[in-house]
């Protein structure tokens, strides 16, 4: 009887420990929350999924986000851009599909990159040979200060704003 009691006690303790581990293993809220924006441009459904870093009083451009280096254009996983049909981005063809969206910021001109490896963490394993399309765009001053990185699909444009900067491109058929 004593062995049976010890086994029952042992099983109970293991169960309680496992329950506690599972409780603490639940996803904690991310500092940079996930976000998604979707719109229809020239008959194509366009979706951008990203994580929203915040300014938090930091200097963003040229410091937190260095100039002339590939940036995931968000936080956490690489931002993704998906189009349901073939489209043109600033006049260049982008086949239907899901891409990681990277940028190379600089003070006067940015490179926007649509990379064929959609699922990746940040830009740590980014490979240029996987680029489907690269375009050059000019950044502009955002109409207002934006604390959290935010993407928009408006009219025939896809763009984001963060801090005092706006970067985007035109989508056509």
N, C-alpha and C. Protein backbone atom coordinates (compact mmCIF):
# COMPACT_ATOMS: atom_id res chain seq x y z
N UNK A 1 0.81 -1.19 0.00
CA UNK A 1 0.00 0.00 0.00
C UNK A 1 0.86 1.26 0.00
N UNK A 2 2.00 1.21 0.74
CA UNK A 2 2.90 2.35 0.81
C UNK A 2 3.52 2.64 -0.56
N UNK A 3 3.86 1.59 -1.33
CA UNK A 3 4.43 1.76 -2.68
C UNK A 3 3.40 2.44 -3.58
N UNK A 4 2.14 2.02 -3.46
CA UNK A 4 1.07 2.59 -4.29
C UNK A 4 0.88 4.07 -3.96
N UNK A 5 0.95 4.43 -2.69
CA UNK A 5 0.82 5.83 -2.27
C UNK A 5 1.98 6.65 -2.81
N UNK A 6 3.19 6.10 -2.75
CA UNK A 6 4.36 6.81 -3.26
C UNK A 6 4.27 7.01 -4.77
N UNK A 7 3.79 6.00 -5.49
CA UNK A 7 3.62 6.12 -6.95
C UNK A 7 2.58 7.19 -7.26
N UNK A 8 1.47 7.19 -6.54
CA UNK A 8 0.41 8.19 -6.74
C UNK A 8 0.95 9.59 -6.45
N UNK A 9 1.71 9.74 -5.38
CA UNK A 9 2.30 11.02 -5.03
C UNK A 9 3.28 11.47 -6.13
N UNK A 10 4.12 10.55 -6.60
CA UNK A 10 5.08 10.85 -7.65
C UNK A 10 4.37 11.31 -8.93
N UNK A 11 3.35 10.58 -9.34
CA UNK A 11 2.59 10.93 -10.55
C UNK A 11 1.93 12.29 -10.39
N UNK A 12 1.40 12.57 -9.22
CA UNK A 12 0.76 13.87 -8.96
C UNK A 12 1.78 15.00 -9.06
N UNK A 13 2.96 14.81 -8.47
CA UNK A 13 3.99 15.84 -8.52
C UNK A 13 4.44 16.08 -9.96
N UNK A 14 4.66 15.01 -10.72
CA UNK A 14 5.06 15.15 -12.13
C UNK A 14 3.98 15.88 -12.91
N UNK A 15 2.72 15.56 -12.69
CA UNK A 15 1.61 16.21 -13.38
C UNK A 15 1.59 17.71 -13.06
N UNK A 16 1.74 18.07 -11.79
CA UNK A 16 1.73 19.48 -11.38
C UNK A 16 2.91 20.22 -12.01
N UNK A 17 4.08 19.60 -12.00
CA UNK A 17 5.26 20.23 -12.62
C UNK A 17 5.06 20.45 -14.12
N UNK A 18 4.56 19.44 -14.81
CA UNK A 18 4.31 19.57 -16.25
C UNK A 18 3.27 20.64 -16.55
N UNK A 19 2.23 20.70 -15.73
CA UNK A 19 1.18 21.72 -15.91
C UNK A 19 1.77 23.11 -15.74
N UNK A 20 2.66 23.28 -14.75
CA UNK A 20 3.29 24.58 -14.54
C UNK A 20 4.22 24.94 -15.70
N UNK A 21 4.98 23.98 -16.18
CA UNK A 21 5.87 24.23 -17.32
C UNK A 21 5.05 24.67 -18.53
N UNK A 22 3.95 23.99 -18.80
CA UNK A 22 3.11 24.34 -19.95
C UNK A 22 2.50 25.73 -19.77
N UNK A 23 2.12 26.06 -18.54
CA UNK A 23 1.54 27.37 -18.28
C UNK A 23 2.56 28.47 -18.56
N UNK A 24 3.79 28.30 -18.10
CA UNK A 24 4.83 29.31 -18.31
C UNK A 24 5.36 29.31 -19.73
N UNK A 25 5.17 28.24 -20.46
CA UNK A 25 5.67 28.15 -21.83
C UNK A 25 4.76 28.83 -22.83
N UNK A 26 3.60 29.32 -22.37
CA UNK A 26 2.68 30.01 -23.27
C UNK A 26 3.39 31.22 -23.88
N UNK A 27 3.00 31.56 -25.11
CA UNK A 27 3.61 32.71 -25.77
C UNK A 27 3.39 33.97 -24.95
N UNK A 28 4.47 34.70 -24.75
CA UNK A 28 4.38 35.98 -24.07
C UNK A 28 4.13 37.03 -25.14
N UNK A 29 3.44 38.11 -24.79
CA UNK A 29 3.22 39.15 -25.80
C UNK A 29 4.56 39.68 -26.31
N UNK A 30 4.63 39.87 -27.61
CA UNK A 30 5.87 40.38 -28.21
C UNK A 30 5.97 41.88 -27.98
N UNK A 31 7.19 42.33 -27.83
CA UNK A 31 7.44 43.76 -27.69
C UNK A 31 7.02 44.47 -28.98
N UNK A 32 7.29 43.83 -30.11
CA UNK A 32 6.87 44.35 -31.42
C UNK A 32 5.73 43.46 -31.92
N UNK A 33 4.48 43.91 -31.74
CA UNK A 33 3.34 43.04 -32.09
C UNK A 33 3.21 42.78 -33.59
N UNK A 34 2.58 41.66 -33.91
CA UNK A 34 2.31 41.31 -35.31
C UNK A 34 1.20 42.19 -35.85
N UNK A 35 1.28 42.47 -37.15
CA UNK A 35 0.26 43.28 -37.81
C UNK A 35 0.12 42.79 -39.25
N UNK A 36 -1.00 43.16 -39.86
CA UNK A 36 -1.29 42.73 -41.23
C UNK A 36 -2.13 43.80 -41.90
N UNK A 37 -1.82 44.08 -43.15
CA UNK A 37 -2.66 44.98 -43.93
C UNK A 37 -2.91 44.32 -45.28
N UNK A 38 -4.14 44.45 -45.74
CA UNK A 38 -4.55 43.82 -47.01
C UNK A 38 -5.36 44.83 -47.81
N UNK A 39 -5.21 44.77 -49.12
CA UNK A 39 -6.00 45.60 -50.00
C UNK A 39 -6.02 45.00 -51.39
N UNK A 40 -6.91 45.50 -52.22
CA UNK A 40 -7.00 45.05 -53.61
C UNK A 40 -6.51 46.18 -54.50
N UNK A 41 -5.51 45.85 -55.31
CA UNK A 41 -4.95 46.82 -56.26
C UNK A 41 -4.97 46.16 -57.63
N UNK A 42 -5.54 46.84 -58.61
CA UNK A 42 -5.67 46.35 -59.99
C UNK A 42 -6.11 44.89 -60.04
N UNK A 43 -7.09 44.52 -59.21
CA UNK A 43 -7.65 43.18 -59.20
C UNK A 43 -6.83 42.14 -58.46
N UNK A 44 -5.72 42.52 -57.86
CA UNK A 44 -4.89 41.58 -57.11
C UNK A 44 -5.02 41.86 -55.61
N UNK A 45 -5.17 40.80 -54.84
CA UNK A 45 -5.19 40.96 -53.39
C UNK A 45 -3.74 41.03 -52.92
N UNK A 46 -3.41 42.11 -52.25
CA UNK A 46 -2.06 42.36 -51.76
C UNK A 46 -2.10 42.34 -50.23
N UNK A 47 -1.21 41.55 -49.62
CA UNK A 47 -1.17 41.42 -48.16
C UNK A 47 0.26 41.62 -47.67
N UNK A 48 0.40 42.44 -46.65
CA UNK A 48 1.69 42.64 -46.00
C UNK A 48 1.54 42.20 -44.55
N UNK A 49 2.38 41.25 -44.11
CA UNK A 49 2.40 40.80 -42.71
C UNK A 49 3.75 41.16 -42.13
N UNK A 50 3.72 41.76 -40.94
CA UNK A 50 4.95 42.30 -40.36
C UNK A 50 4.81 42.43 -38.85
N UNK A 51 5.90 42.76 -38.20
CA UNK A 51 5.89 43.08 -36.78
C UNK A 51 6.21 44.56 -36.64
N UNK A 52 5.59 45.21 -35.65
CA UNK A 52 5.65 46.65 -35.51
C UNK A 52 6.62 47.11 -34.41
N UNK A 53 7.87 47.38 -34.75
CA UNK A 53 8.74 47.97 -33.73
C UNK A 53 8.28 49.40 -33.43
N UNK A 54 8.63 49.87 -32.24
CA UNK A 54 8.29 51.23 -31.82
C UNK A 54 9.55 52.09 -31.74
N UNK A 55 9.35 53.39 -31.86
CA UNK A 55 10.47 54.33 -31.79
C UNK A 55 11.03 54.36 -30.36
N UNK A 56 10.18 54.50 -29.39
CA UNK A 56 10.58 54.53 -27.96
C UNK A 56 11.70 55.53 -27.69
N UNK A 57 11.65 56.68 -28.35
CA UNK A 57 12.63 57.72 -28.10
C UNK A 57 14.00 57.48 -28.73
N UNK A 58 14.13 56.42 -29.52
CA UNK A 58 15.43 56.08 -30.11
C UNK A 58 15.62 56.79 -31.45
N UNK A 59 16.88 56.94 -31.87
CA UNK A 59 17.18 57.43 -33.21
C UNK A 59 17.08 56.21 -34.12
N UNK A 60 16.18 56.26 -35.09
CA UNK A 60 15.90 55.09 -35.92
C UNK A 60 16.86 55.01 -37.11
N UNK A 61 16.78 55.97 -38.00
CA UNK A 61 17.47 55.88 -39.30
C UNK A 61 18.94 56.23 -39.15
N UNK A 62 19.76 55.27 -39.56
CA UNK A 62 21.20 55.44 -39.48
C UNK A 62 21.78 54.92 -38.17
N UNK A 63 20.93 54.58 -37.21
CA UNK A 63 21.42 54.02 -35.95
C UNK A 63 20.74 52.69 -35.65
N UNK A 64 19.50 52.71 -35.13
CA UNK A 64 18.81 51.44 -34.87
C UNK A 64 18.69 50.64 -36.16
N UNK A 65 18.31 51.32 -37.22
CA UNK A 65 18.28 50.72 -38.56
C UNK A 65 19.43 51.36 -39.34
N UNK A 66 20.54 50.63 -39.49
CA UNK A 66 21.71 51.23 -40.16
C UNK A 66 21.46 51.49 -41.65
N UNK A 67 22.10 52.52 -42.13
CA UNK A 67 22.05 52.80 -43.57
C UNK A 67 22.91 51.80 -44.33
N UNK A 68 22.51 51.52 -45.56
CA UNK A 68 23.28 50.71 -46.50
C UNK A 68 23.45 49.26 -46.08
N UNK A 69 22.53 48.75 -45.28
CA UNK A 69 22.52 47.32 -44.89
C UNK A 69 21.11 46.78 -45.05
N UNK A 70 21.00 45.50 -45.38
CA UNK A 70 19.68 44.88 -45.56
C UNK A 70 18.95 44.89 -44.22
N UNK A 71 17.70 45.34 -44.26
CA UNK A 71 16.84 45.42 -43.07
C UNK A 71 15.59 44.59 -43.33
N UNK A 72 15.11 43.89 -42.34
CA UNK A 72 13.91 43.05 -42.46
C UNK A 72 12.64 43.87 -42.63
N UNK A 73 12.73 45.17 -42.51
CA UNK A 73 11.61 46.10 -42.66
C UNK A 73 10.51 45.77 -41.66
N UNK A 74 10.90 45.68 -40.43
CA UNK A 74 10.01 45.38 -39.32
C UNK A 74 10.83 44.79 -38.19
N UNK A 75 10.21 43.92 -37.43
CA UNK A 75 10.89 43.25 -36.32
C UNK A 75 10.57 41.76 -36.39
N UNK A 76 11.27 40.98 -35.61
CA UNK A 76 11.03 39.52 -35.51
C UNK A 76 11.24 38.85 -36.87
N UNK A 77 10.26 38.08 -37.33
CA UNK A 77 10.38 37.42 -38.63
C UNK A 77 10.44 38.49 -39.73
N UNK A 78 10.97 38.08 -40.88
CA UNK A 78 11.00 39.00 -42.01
C UNK A 78 9.56 39.37 -42.40
N UNK A 79 9.37 40.61 -42.79
CA UNK A 79 8.07 41.07 -43.30
C UNK A 79 7.78 40.29 -44.58
N UNK A 80 6.50 39.93 -44.79
CA UNK A 80 6.15 39.25 -46.03
C UNK A 80 5.19 40.11 -46.85
N UNK A 81 5.31 39.95 -48.16
CA UNK A 81 4.46 40.63 -49.14
C UNK A 81 3.89 39.54 -50.03
N UNK A 82 2.56 39.51 -50.14
CA UNK A 82 1.92 38.48 -50.96
C UNK A 82 0.97 39.14 -51.95
N UNK A 83 1.01 38.64 -53.19
CA UNK A 83 0.10 39.10 -54.22
C UNK A 83 -0.59 37.90 -54.86
N UNK A 84 -1.89 38.03 -55.07
CA UNK A 84 -2.67 36.89 -55.60
C UNK A 84 -2.50 36.72 -57.11
N UNK A 85 -2.06 37.76 -57.80
CA UNK A 85 -1.83 37.67 -59.24
C UNK A 85 -0.53 38.39 -59.58
N UNK A 86 -0.04 38.16 -60.79
CA UNK A 86 1.13 38.90 -61.25
C UNK A 86 0.81 40.38 -61.27
N UNK A 87 1.75 41.19 -60.79
CA UNK A 87 1.58 42.64 -60.78
C UNK A 87 2.88 43.28 -61.25
N UNK A 88 2.83 44.58 -61.44
CA UNK A 88 4.03 45.35 -61.70
C UNK A 88 4.25 46.24 -60.48
N UNK A 89 5.50 46.25 -60.02
CA UNK A 89 5.90 47.10 -58.90
C UNK A 89 6.83 48.15 -59.46
N UNK A 90 6.38 49.40 -59.41
CA UNK A 90 7.12 50.50 -60.05
C UNK A 90 7.54 50.12 -61.47
N UNK A 91 6.62 49.46 -62.20
CA UNK A 91 6.85 49.13 -63.61
C UNK A 91 7.55 47.81 -63.86
N UNK A 92 8.01 47.11 -62.82
CA UNK A 92 8.72 45.84 -63.01
C UNK A 92 7.81 44.68 -62.58
N UNK A 93 7.86 43.59 -63.32
CA UNK A 93 6.97 42.45 -63.08
C UNK A 93 7.34 41.67 -61.82
N UNK A 94 6.30 41.39 -61.01
CA UNK A 94 6.44 40.54 -59.82
C UNK A 94 5.39 39.44 -59.95
N UNK A 95 5.81 38.17 -60.11
CA UNK A 95 4.85 37.08 -60.23
C UNK A 95 4.00 36.92 -58.96
N UNK A 96 2.83 36.32 -59.12
CA UNK A 96 1.99 36.02 -57.97
C UNK A 96 2.79 35.17 -56.99
N UNK A 97 2.59 35.40 -55.70
CA UNK A 97 3.29 34.60 -54.70
C UNK A 97 3.52 35.36 -53.42
N UNK A 98 4.23 34.69 -52.52
CA UNK A 98 4.56 35.27 -51.22
C UNK A 98 6.07 35.45 -51.12
N UNK A 99 6.49 36.64 -50.73
CA UNK A 99 7.90 37.02 -50.68
C UNK A 99 8.23 37.63 -49.33
N UNK A 100 9.50 37.51 -48.93
CA UNK A 100 9.94 38.34 -47.81
C UNK A 100 10.25 39.71 -48.40
N UNK A 101 9.96 40.74 -47.62
CA UNK A 101 10.16 42.12 -48.07
C UNK A 101 11.27 42.74 -47.25
N UNK A 102 12.38 43.01 -47.90
CA UNK A 102 13.51 43.65 -47.25
C UNK A 102 13.72 45.01 -47.87
N UNK A 103 14.44 45.85 -47.15
CA UNK A 103 14.84 47.14 -47.70
C UNK A 103 16.30 47.39 -47.35
N UNK A 104 16.92 48.23 -48.16
CA UNK A 104 18.25 48.74 -47.83
C UNK A 104 18.09 50.25 -47.77
N UNK A 105 17.96 50.79 -46.55
CA UNK A 105 17.74 52.23 -46.43
C UNK A 105 19.02 53.04 -46.61
N UNK A 106 18.86 54.22 -47.14
CA UNK A 106 19.92 55.22 -47.14
C UNK A 106 19.22 56.57 -47.02
N UNK A 107 19.97 57.60 -46.87
CA UNK A 107 19.35 58.91 -46.65
C UNK A 107 18.54 59.40 -47.86
N UNK A 108 19.02 59.11 -49.06
CA UNK A 108 18.37 59.68 -50.25
C UNK A 108 17.62 58.67 -51.11
N UNK A 109 17.97 57.39 -51.02
CA UNK A 109 17.34 56.38 -51.87
C UNK A 109 17.32 55.04 -51.13
N UNK A 110 16.24 54.31 -51.29
CA UNK A 110 16.11 53.00 -50.67
C UNK A 110 15.99 51.94 -51.76
N UNK A 111 16.48 50.75 -51.46
CA UNK A 111 16.25 49.59 -52.31
C UNK A 111 15.18 48.75 -51.62
N UNK A 112 14.12 48.42 -52.35
CA UNK A 112 13.08 47.53 -51.84
C UNK A 112 13.29 46.19 -52.52
N UNK A 113 13.32 45.13 -51.70
CA UNK A 113 13.67 43.80 -52.18
C UNK A 113 12.52 42.82 -51.92
N UNK A 114 12.13 42.09 -52.96
CA UNK A 114 11.16 41.00 -52.84
C UNK A 114 11.95 39.71 -52.99
N UNK A 115 12.11 38.99 -51.90
CA UNK A 115 12.96 37.80 -51.85
C UNK A 115 12.10 36.55 -51.85
N UNK A 116 12.49 35.54 -52.62
CA UNK A 116 11.69 34.31 -52.79
C UNK A 116 11.59 33.46 -51.53
N UNK A 117 12.45 33.67 -50.54
CA UNK A 117 12.38 32.91 -49.29
C UNK A 117 11.50 33.68 -48.32
N UNK A 118 10.19 33.34 -48.33
CA UNK A 118 9.23 34.11 -47.54
C UNK A 118 9.37 33.90 -46.05
N UNK A 119 9.65 32.68 -45.63
CA UNK A 119 9.73 32.40 -44.19
C UNK A 119 11.17 32.42 -43.74
N UNK A 120 11.54 33.48 -43.03
CA UNK A 120 12.87 33.55 -42.44
C UNK A 120 12.84 34.51 -41.27
N UNK A 121 13.75 34.31 -40.33
CA UNK A 121 13.83 35.16 -39.15
C UNK A 121 14.73 36.34 -39.47
N UNK A 122 14.15 37.52 -39.41
CA UNK A 122 14.93 38.71 -39.69
C UNK A 122 15.61 38.66 -41.03
N UNK A 123 16.81 39.20 -41.09
CA UNK A 123 17.59 39.18 -42.33
C UNK A 123 18.88 38.38 -42.13
N UNK A 124 18.90 37.55 -41.10
CA UNK A 124 20.13 36.84 -40.74
C UNK A 124 20.57 35.84 -41.80
N UNK A 125 19.62 35.24 -42.53
CA UNK A 125 19.99 34.27 -43.56
C UNK A 125 19.59 34.77 -44.95
N UNK A 126 19.42 36.08 -45.06
CA UNK A 126 19.08 36.68 -46.35
C UNK A 126 20.15 36.33 -47.38
N UNK A 127 19.69 35.92 -48.58
CA UNK A 127 20.60 35.64 -49.68
C UNK A 127 20.14 36.40 -50.92
N UNK A 128 21.00 37.26 -51.41
CA UNK A 128 20.67 38.08 -52.58
C UNK A 128 20.28 37.23 -53.78
N UNK A 129 20.89 36.05 -53.92
CA UNK A 129 20.59 35.20 -55.09
C UNK A 129 19.13 34.74 -55.10
N UNK A 130 18.42 34.88 -53.98
CA UNK A 130 17.01 34.52 -53.90
C UNK A 130 16.07 35.69 -54.19
N UNK A 131 16.62 36.84 -54.54
CA UNK A 131 15.79 38.01 -54.85
C UNK A 131 15.00 37.78 -56.13
N UNK A 132 13.72 38.04 -56.07
CA UNK A 132 12.87 38.00 -57.25
C UNK A 132 12.89 39.35 -57.95
N UNK A 133 12.91 40.43 -57.14
CA UNK A 133 12.82 41.77 -57.71
C UNK A 133 13.45 42.77 -56.74
N UNK A 134 14.12 43.77 -57.30
CA UNK A 134 14.64 44.90 -56.54
C UNK A 134 14.22 46.17 -57.25
N UNK A 135 13.78 47.14 -56.48
CA UNK A 135 13.45 48.45 -57.05
C UNK A 135 14.10 49.53 -56.19
N UNK A 136 14.29 50.69 -56.77
CA UNK A 136 14.82 51.85 -56.05
C UNK A 136 13.67 52.84 -55.84
N UNK A 137 13.58 53.37 -54.62
CA UNK A 137 12.54 54.35 -54.30
C UNK A 137 13.14 55.48 -53.49
N UNK A 138 12.46 56.60 -53.50
CA UNK A 138 12.90 57.76 -52.71
C UNK A 138 12.06 57.82 -51.43
N UNK A 139 12.71 57.92 -50.27
CA UNK A 139 11.94 58.11 -49.04
C UNK A 139 11.41 59.54 -49.01
N UNK A 140 10.35 59.74 -48.25
CA UNK A 140 9.82 61.09 -48.07
C UNK A 140 9.49 61.29 -46.59
N UNK A 141 9.18 62.51 -46.26
CA UNK A 141 8.82 62.82 -44.87
C UNK A 141 7.38 62.37 -44.66
N UNK A 142 7.16 61.62 -43.59
CA UNK A 142 5.80 61.19 -43.25
C UNK A 142 4.98 62.42 -42.85
N UNK A 143 3.66 62.41 -43.13
CA UNK A 143 2.84 63.57 -42.80
C UNK A 143 2.78 63.86 -41.30
N UNK A 144 2.93 62.81 -40.49
CA UNK A 144 2.96 62.97 -39.04
C UNK A 144 3.93 61.96 -38.45
N UNK A 145 4.34 62.18 -37.23
CA UNK A 145 5.20 61.24 -36.53
C UNK A 145 4.43 59.94 -36.29
N UNK A 146 5.07 58.78 -36.55
CA UNK A 146 4.43 57.48 -36.36
C UNK A 146 5.29 56.67 -35.39
N UNK A 147 4.76 56.37 -34.21
CA UNK A 147 5.51 55.65 -33.17
C UNK A 147 5.80 54.20 -33.58
N UNK A 148 4.80 53.51 -34.09
CA UNK A 148 4.98 52.10 -34.49
C UNK A 148 4.99 51.98 -36.01
N UNK A 149 5.93 51.20 -36.52
CA UNK A 149 5.98 50.94 -37.96
C UNK A 149 4.61 50.48 -38.43
N UNK A 150 4.10 51.11 -39.48
CA UNK A 150 2.77 50.77 -39.99
C UNK A 150 2.78 50.76 -41.51
N UNK A 151 2.29 49.65 -42.10
CA UNK A 151 2.14 49.53 -43.55
C UNK A 151 0.73 49.91 -43.95
N UNK A 152 0.60 50.43 -45.18
CA UNK A 152 -0.68 50.84 -45.73
C UNK A 152 -0.80 50.32 -47.17
N UNK A 153 -2.01 49.96 -47.56
CA UNK A 153 -2.34 49.68 -48.96
C UNK A 153 -3.45 50.68 -49.27
N UNK A 154 -3.12 51.68 -50.07
CA UNK A 154 -4.08 52.74 -50.40
C UNK A 154 -4.01 53.06 -51.88
N UNK A 155 -5.18 53.05 -52.53
CA UNK A 155 -5.22 53.32 -53.97
C UNK A 155 -4.37 52.30 -54.68
N UNK A 156 -3.39 52.76 -55.45
CA UNK A 156 -2.49 51.84 -56.16
C UNK A 156 -1.09 51.82 -55.53
N UNK A 157 -1.02 52.16 -54.23
CA UNK A 157 0.28 52.24 -53.56
C UNK A 157 0.34 51.35 -52.33
N UNK A 158 1.55 50.84 -52.07
CA UNK A 158 1.86 50.14 -50.82
C UNK A 158 2.99 50.94 -50.20
N UNK A 159 2.83 51.31 -48.93
CA UNK A 159 3.88 52.08 -48.28
C UNK A 159 3.86 51.85 -46.78
N UNK A 160 4.95 52.24 -46.15
CA UNK A 160 4.98 52.21 -44.70
C UNK A 160 5.47 53.54 -44.18
N UNK A 161 5.09 53.79 -42.93
CA UNK A 161 5.56 54.98 -42.22
C UNK A 161 6.12 54.52 -40.88
N UNK A 162 7.22 55.14 -40.52
CA UNK A 162 7.79 54.91 -39.19
C UNK A 162 8.62 56.12 -38.83
N UNK A 163 8.43 56.60 -37.62
CA UNK A 163 9.07 57.79 -37.13
C UNK A 163 8.64 58.92 -38.06
N UNK A 164 9.56 59.58 -38.75
CA UNK A 164 9.21 60.68 -39.65
C UNK A 164 9.42 60.33 -41.12
N UNK A 165 9.52 59.02 -41.43
CA UNK A 165 9.84 58.60 -42.80
C UNK A 165 8.69 57.80 -43.40
N UNK A 166 8.50 58.00 -44.69
CA UNK A 166 7.53 57.22 -45.47
C UNK A 166 8.26 56.66 -46.69
N UNK A 167 8.03 55.36 -46.95
CA UNK A 167 8.65 54.69 -48.10
C UNK A 167 7.58 53.83 -48.76
N UNK A 168 7.49 53.89 -50.09
CA UNK A 168 6.48 53.09 -50.76
C UNK A 168 6.75 52.91 -52.24
N UNK A 169 5.80 52.21 -52.88
CA UNK A 169 5.92 51.94 -54.31
C UNK A 169 4.54 51.82 -54.91
N UNK A 170 4.49 51.95 -56.24
CA UNK A 170 3.23 51.91 -57.00
C UNK A 170 3.04 50.51 -57.57
N UNK A 171 1.81 50.00 -57.50
CA UNK A 171 1.44 48.71 -58.06
C UNK A 171 0.53 48.94 -59.25
N UNK A 172 0.82 48.24 -60.35
CA UNK A 172 -0.02 48.32 -61.56
C UNK A 172 -0.12 46.95 -62.20
N UNK A 173 -0.87 46.85 -63.28
CA UNK A 173 -1.06 45.59 -64.01
C UNK A 173 -0.06 45.45 -65.11
